[in-house]
């Protein structure tokens, strides 16, 4: 029920973060740091903001369930 839904949500978000983070490291290795910062950083800036948004949703939902 409720706890199972929470577990699924956490697994989904963790999977997203893991995939994005591995792609991030891969690009960093391939392009090198200076080129990466010039060319790819705007993409990752939006990605980081999305991750922060997702994690804040998880925190809010967790707090709501723990306060019930």
Protein backbone atom coordinates (compact mmCIF):
# COMPACT_ATOMS: atom_id res chain seq x y z
CA UNK A 1 0.00 0.00 0.00
CA UNK A 2 1.47 3.34 1.12
CA UNK A 3 4.93 2.11 2.13
CA UNK A 4 5.19 0.07 -1.06
CA UNK A 5 4.44 3.19 -3.12
CA UNK A 6 7.18 5.06 -1.25
CA UNK A 7 9.68 2.29 -2.01
CA UNK A 8 8.78 2.38 -5.71
CA UNK A 9 9.16 6.17 -5.79
CA UNK A 10 12.57 6.05 -4.11
CA UNK A 11 13.74 3.30 -6.47
CA UNK A 12 12.61 5.28 -9.50
CA UNK A 13 14.32 8.49 -8.38
CA UNK A 14 17.51 6.68 -7.37
CA UNK A 15 17.60 4.96 -10.76
CA UNK A 16 17.21 8.34 -12.54
CA UNK A 17 19.97 9.91 -10.49
CA UNK A 18 22.29 6.95 -11.04
CA UNK A 19 21.77 7.00 -14.82
CA UNK A 20 22.31 10.75 -15.07
CA UNK A 21 25.33 10.70 -12.79
CA UNK A 22 27.04 7.92 -14.75
CA UNK A 23 26.39 9.83 -18.01
CA UNK A 24 27.81 12.94 -16.34
CA UNK A 25 31.04 11.15 -15.33
CA UNK A 26 31.29 9.54 -18.77
CA UNK A 27 31.04 12.92 -20.53
CA UNK A 28 33.57 14.41 -18.13
CA UNK A 29 36.09 11.68 -18.97
CA UNK A 30 35.47 11.83 -22.74
CA UNK A 31 35.52 15.61 -23.21
CA UNK A 32 37.98 16.64 -20.52
CA UNK A 33 37.18 19.21 -17.87
CA UNK A 34 37.72 22.54 -19.75
CA UNK A 35 35.74 21.51 -22.83
CA UNK A 36 33.09 19.94 -20.64
CA UNK A 37 32.60 23.12 -18.63
CA UNK A 38 32.27 25.25 -21.76
CA UNK A 39 30.08 22.99 -23.85
CA UNK A 40 28.11 20.72 -21.54
CA UNK A 41 27.63 22.61 -18.29
CA UNK A 42 24.34 24.38 -19.24
CA UNK A 43 22.75 20.97 -19.89
CA UNK A 44 23.85 19.70 -16.50
CA UNK A 45 22.77 22.86 -14.74
CA UNK A 46 19.19 22.15 -15.79
CA UNK A 47 19.67 18.46 -14.92
CA UNK A 48 20.86 19.33 -11.40
CA UNK A 49 17.85 21.60 -10.86
CA UNK A 50 15.55 18.75 -11.95
CA UNK A 51 17.27 16.37 -9.51
CA UNK A 52 16.93 18.86 -6.66
CA UNK A 53 13.25 19.29 -7.53
CA UNK A 54 12.67 15.51 -7.54
CA UNK A 55 14.44 15.05 -4.22
CA UNK A 56 12.46 17.89 -2.65
CA UNK A 57 9.26 16.13 -3.73
CA UNK A 58 10.48 12.94 -2.04
CA UNK A 59 11.33 14.84 1.15
CA UNK A 60 7.91 16.53 1.25
CA UNK A 61 6.07 13.23 0.67
CA UNK A 62 8.17 11.47 3.31
CA UNK A 63 7.53 14.24 5.83
CA UNK A 64 3.80 14.14 5.10
CA UNK A 65 3.66 10.39 5.69
CA UNK A 66 5.80 10.47 8.82
CA UNK A 67 3.69 13.24 10.38
CA UNK A 68 0.43 11.37 9.84
